[in-house]
């Protein structure tokens, strides 16, 4: 078991409408993440490939800019990548992100949400995170997923969906 992650269930997230297995993980800020803590709120998890890269920076800034609107719709948001906690702290500070970033160095959450894919990078096949976003409702059920996300207008699409769920 990794120090950064404690997953009470070995289940993967299987389909819209299914209960998301309880998990906890290390994140920026003073305390760790535990899904149970956020029952009663919509939880948005966005998986991204790497801190301080152009697409991930643009996506994080877009979520930063709509953060107050997400909060107004009873939603909390967390970014997740395989980067270290130290890298996340720097990325969060540099972009002035008002939300926390979860570290998943052993890919437990990435595998749980099935976001690890083979990708082409400079002509080579590499295994990496497929940019994906998930919305978990107030009772802990998966209600929406976006896979293979294109950054442009994605944050607005997430906000529109969350707003429609109130």
Protein backbone atom coordinates (compact mmCIF):
# COMPACT_ATOMS: atom_id res chain seq x y z
CA UNK A 1 0.00 0.00 0.00
CA UNK A 2 1.39 3.36 -0.98
CA UNK A 3 1.92 6.02 1.64
CA UNK A 4 0.17 8.50 -0.61
CA UNK A 5 -3.03 6.55 -1.12
CA UNK A 6 -5.33 4.42 0.98
CA UNK A 7 -8.10 2.82 -1.02
CA UNK A 8 -10.65 0.86 1.00
CA UNK A 9 -11.97 -0.90 -2.11
CA UNK A 10 -10.18 -2.61 -4.98
CA UNK A 11 -13.05 -1.83 -7.35
CA UNK A 12 -12.66 0.32 -10.40
CA UNK A 13 -15.19 2.98 -11.24
CA UNK A 14 -17.31 1.10 -13.73
CA UNK A 15 -20.17 3.17 -15.10
CA UNK A 16 -22.35 6.24 -14.82
CA UNK A 17 -24.77 5.78 -11.92
CA UNK A 18 -22.43 3.49 -9.98
CA UNK A 19 -21.17 4.26 -6.49
CA UNK A 20 -17.55 5.43 -6.53
CA UNK A 21 -15.41 3.31 -4.18
CA UNK A 22 -14.23 5.18 -1.11
CA UNK A 23 -10.62 6.31 -1.32
CA UNK A 24 -8.21 8.68 0.34
CA UNK A 25 -5.02 10.21 -1.02
CA UNK A 26 -2.33 12.80 -0.35
CA UNK A 27 -2.99 16.30 -1.61
CA UNK A 28 -1.76 19.84 -1.30
CA UNK A 29 -2.87 21.81 1.73
CA UNK A 30 -2.97 20.84 5.36
CA UNK A 31 -4.92 17.59 5.17
CA UNK A 32 -5.31 14.59 2.90
CA UNK A 33 -8.21 13.88 0.59
CA UNK A 34 -10.97 11.46 1.56
CA UNK A 35 -14.00 11.07 -0.69
CA UNK A 36 -16.23 10.49 2.35
CA UNK A 37 -15.44 14.02 3.57
CA UNK A 38 -17.29 15.46 0.58
CA UNK A 39 -20.57 13.53 0.77
CA UNK A 40 -23.32 16.13 0.31
CA UNK A 41 -21.29 18.01 -2.33
CA UNK A 42 -20.65 17.40 -6.01
CA UNK A 43 -17.03 16.33 -6.44
CA UNK A 44 -15.21 17.12 -9.68
CA UNK A 45 -12.00 15.19 -10.31
CA UNK A 46 -9.94 16.25 -13.30
CA UNK A 47 -7.03 14.03 -14.29
CA UNK A 48 -4.23 15.72 -16.21
CA UNK A 49 -0.88 14.48 -17.53
CA UNK A 50 1.74 16.73 -15.91
CA UNK A 51 2.23 19.89 -13.85
CA UNK A 52 3.71 22.92 -15.65
CA UNK A 53 2.94 21.78 -19.19
CA UNK A 54 1.01 24.04 -21.57
CA UNK A 55 -2.29 22.12 -21.79
CA UNK A 56 -2.38 21.28 -18.09
CA UNK A 57 -1.61 24.89 -17.16
CA UNK A 58 -4.37 26.19 -19.45
CA UNK A 59 -6.88 23.66 -18.08
CA UNK A 60 -6.03 24.43 -14.45
CA UNK A 61 -6.32 28.18 -15.04
CA UNK A 62 -9.74 27.66 -16.67
CA UNK A 63 -10.93 25.72 -13.60
CA UNK A 64 -9.41 28.39 -11.34
CA UNK A 65 -11.35 31.08 -13.16
CA UNK A 66 -14.73 29.35 -12.64
CA UNK A 67 -13.99 28.10 -9.12
CA UNK A 68 -16.36 30.51 -7.34
CA UNK A 69 -19.18 29.46 -9.70
CA UNK A 70 -18.50 25.79 -8.93
CA UNK A 71 -18.65 26.53 -5.19
CA UNK A 72 -21.93 28.40 -5.74
CA UNK A 73 -23.30 25.18 -7.28
CA UNK A 74 -22.32 23.05 -4.26
CA UNK A 75 -19.31 21.60 -6.09
CA UNK A 76 -15.68 21.09 -5.11
CA UNK A 77 -12.90 20.41 -7.60
CA UNK A 78 -9.57 18.58 -7.38
CA UNK A 79 -6.85 18.09 -9.98
CA UNK A 80 -5.08 14.71 -10.08
CA UNK A 81 -1.81 13.68 -11.72
CA UNK A 82 1.15 11.41 -11.02
CA UNK A 83 3.33 14.37 -10.05
CA UNK A 84 4.83 14.57 -6.57
CA UNK A 85 3.27 16.58 -3.77
CA UNK A 86 6.21 18.99 -4.00
CA UNK A 87 5.57 19.53 -7.72
CA UNK A 88 1.86 20.03 -7.03
CA UNK A 89 2.57 22.60 -4.30
CA UNK A 90 4.72 24.63 -6.72
CA UNK A 91 2.19 24.34 -9.57
CA UNK A 92 -0.69 25.33 -7.29
CA UNK A 93 1.23 28.32 -5.92
CA UNK A 94 2.46 29.50 -9.34
CA UNK A 95 -1.07 29.48 -10.80
CA UNK A 96 -2.74 30.67 -7.57
CA UNK A 97 -5.16 27.75 -7.69
CA UNK A 98 -7.93 28.05 -5.05
CA UNK A 99 -8.41 24.25 -4.97
CA UNK A 100 -6.19 21.33 -4.00
CA UNK A 101 -4.21 18.94 -6.19
CA UNK A 102 -4.11 15.20 -5.44
CA UNK A 103 -0.93 13.21 -6.02
CA UNK A 104 -1.16 9.70 -7.49
CA UNK A 105 2.45 8.56 -8.00
CA UNK A 106 1.60 4.86 -7.95
CA UNK A 107 -1.33 5.34 -10.38
CA UNK A 108 -3.92 3.81 -8.04
CA UNK A 109 -6.53 6.47 -8.80
CA UNK A 110 -5.53 6.57 -12.47
CA UNK A 111 -6.23 2.84 -12.69
CA UNK A 112 -9.39 3.12 -10.61
CA UNK A 113 -10.78 5.66 -13.10
CA UNK A 114 -9.18 3.92 -16.11
CA UNK A 115 -7.34 6.98 -17.39
CA UNK A 116 -3.95 5.38 -18.20
CA UNK A 117 -3.54 5.06 -21.96
CA UNK A 118 -0.84 4.51 -24.57
CA UNK A 119 -0.15 7.81 -26.30
CA UNK A 120 2.12 8.95 -29.13
CA UNK A 121 4.73 11.46 -28.06
CA UNK A 122 7.32 12.57 -30.60
CA UNK A 123 6.82 9.35 -32.54
CA UNK A 124 7.17 7.07 -29.51
CA UNK A 125 4.48 5.12 -27.70
CA UNK A 126 4.36 6.21 -24.05
CA UNK A 127 1.98 5.33 -21.25
CA UNK A 128 0.33 8.37 -19.73
CA UNK A 129 -2.79 9.94 -18.33
CA UNK A 130 -5.61 10.58 -20.79
CA UNK A 131 -7.00 13.99 -19.83
CA UNK A 132 -10.35 13.12 -18.21
CA UNK A 133 -12.89 14.68 -15.84
CA UNK A 134 -15.43 12.99 -13.58
CA UNK A 135 -18.37 14.36 -11.58
CA UNK A 136 -19.50 12.49 -8.49
CA UNK A 137 -22.86 13.51 -7.02
CA UNK A 138 -23.73 14.32 -3.42
CA UNK A 139 -24.39 10.65 -2.62
CA UNK A 140 -21.08 9.41 -4.06
CA UNK A 141 -22.33 8.17 -7.44
CA UNK A 142 -20.57 8.86 -10.73
CA UNK A 143 -22.92 11.05 -12.79
CA UNK A 144 -20.74 12.34 -15.64
CA UNK A 145 -17.42 11.65 -17.30
CA UNK A 146 -15.45 13.29 -20.07
CA UNK A 147 -12.56 11.31 -21.60
CA UNK A 148 -9.97 12.43 -24.11
CA UNK A 149 -10.71 16.01 -23.09
CA UNK A 150 -9.72 18.91 -25.30
CA UNK A 151 -8.86 21.85 -23.06
CA UNK A 152 -10.70 24.59 -24.98
CA UNK A 153 -14.13 25.24 -23.41
CA UNK A 154 -13.92 22.13 -21.19
CA UNK A 155 -14.15 23.98 -17.86
CA UNK A 156 -17.28 25.76 -19.09
CA UNK A 157 -18.82 22.41 -20.12
CA UNK A 158 -18.15 21.07 -16.61
CA UNK A 159 -19.70 24.19 -15.05
CA UNK A 160 -22.73 23.94 -17.34
CA UNK A 161 -23.25 20.30 -16.32
CA UNK A 162 -22.83 20.98 -12.59
CA UNK A 163 -25.20 23.97 -12.83
CA UNK A 164 -27.83 21.80 -14.49
CA UNK A 165 -27.71 19.33 -11.58
CA UNK A 166 -28.97 21.74 -8.90
